[in-house]
Amino acid sequence: MTGQFDLYGAFLPSFAALALFTYGALRALASALSKIGFYRLVWHRSLFNLALYLTLLGVFSIAMSWFQR
């Protein structure tokens, strides 16, 4: 793998594509957490979402490097 994705002629670094995918996963997960009322237990929703995004990004990054072997 070259580390880049071709998106209609524009090359996108693989980490940027992974970050966009993670953002989509975060939005879906945040929506589900909001529907079940989980955010009532969270002190600061924005900080929690940032920590959740960084955790998901790390997990997806490790999973991507694991499956590329």
Protein backbone atom coordinates (compact mmCIF):
# COMPACT_ATOMS: atom_id res chain seq x y z
CA MET A 1 0.00 0.00 0.00
CA THR A 2 1.29 3.43 -0.90
CA GLY A 3 -0.21 5.26 2.07
CA GLN A 4 -2.49 7.35 -0.14
CA PHE A 5 -5.98 7.00 -1.58
CA ASP A 6 -6.95 8.35 -4.98
CA LEU A 7 -10.19 10.30 -4.56
CA TYR A 8 -11.25 11.44 -8.06
CA GLY A 9 -7.73 12.49 -8.95
CA ALA A 10 -6.83 14.05 -5.61
CA PHE A 11 -4.52 12.03 -3.41
CA LEU A 12 -5.65 11.78 0.20
CA PRO A 13 -3.29 10.52 2.91
CA SER A 14 -4.49 7.29 4.48
CA PHE A 15 -4.52 8.86 7.94
CA ALA A 16 -6.84 11.63 6.74
CA ALA A 17 -9.20 9.03 5.27
CA LEU A 18 -9.05 7.13 8.55
CA ALA A 19 -9.82 10.33 10.49
CA LEU A 20 -12.87 10.99 8.29
CA PHE A 21 -14.08 7.42 8.77
CA THR A 22 -13.60 7.77 12.52
CA TYR A 23 -15.61 10.99 12.55
CA GLY A 24 -18.50 9.19 10.87
CA ALA A 25 -18.29 6.37 13.39
CA LEU A 26 -18.21 8.93 16.22
CA ARG A 27 -21.35 10.67 14.94
CA ALA A 28 -23.20 7.34 14.76
CA LEU A 29 -22.01 6.29 18.22
CA ALA A 30 -22.82 9.71 19.75
CA SER A 31 -26.29 9.54 18.29
CA ALA A 32 -26.84 6.09 19.80
CA LEU A 33 -25.48 7.23 23.17
CA SER A 34 -27.77 10.24 23.11
CA LYS A 35 -30.82 8.11 22.35
CA ILE A 36 -30.21 5.78 25.30
CA GLY A 37 -29.58 8.73 27.64
CA PHE A 38 -25.92 8.04 28.37
CA TYR A 39 -24.95 11.70 28.21
CA ARG A 40 -26.88 12.40 31.42
CA LEU A 41 -24.00 10.63 33.21
CA VAL A 42 -21.26 12.64 31.47
CA TRP A 43 -19.89 15.81 33.08
CA HIS A 44 -18.73 17.61 29.91
CA ARG A 45 -20.14 16.29 26.66
CA SER A 46 -17.59 17.99 24.37
CA LEU A 47 -14.59 16.65 26.28
CA PHE A 48 -16.15 13.19 26.36
CA ASN A 49 -16.71 13.30 22.60
CA LEU A 50 -13.11 14.40 22.03
CA ALA A 51 -11.80 11.57 24.19
CA LEU A 52 -14.11 9.11 22.43
CA TYR A 53 -12.91 10.34 19.02
CA LEU A 54 -9.25 9.98 19.95
CA THR A 55 -9.88 6.52 21.40
CA LEU A 56 -11.73 5.39 18.27
CA LEU A 57 -9.00 6.88 16.05
CA GLY A 58 -6.34 4.96 17.97
CA VAL A 59 -8.31 1.71 17.83
CA PHE A 60 -8.99 2.05 14.10
CA SER A 61 -5.37 3.01 13.44
CA ILE A 62 -4.07 -0.04 15.30
CA ALA A 63 -6.63 -2.26 13.58
CA MET A 64 -5.65 -0.87 10.16
CA SER A 65 -1.96 -1.48 10.78
CA TRP A 66 -2.73 -4.95 12.14
CA PHE A 67 -4.68 -6.01 9.04
CA GLN A 68 -2.12 -4.56 6.61
CA ARG A 69 0.55 -7.05 7.65
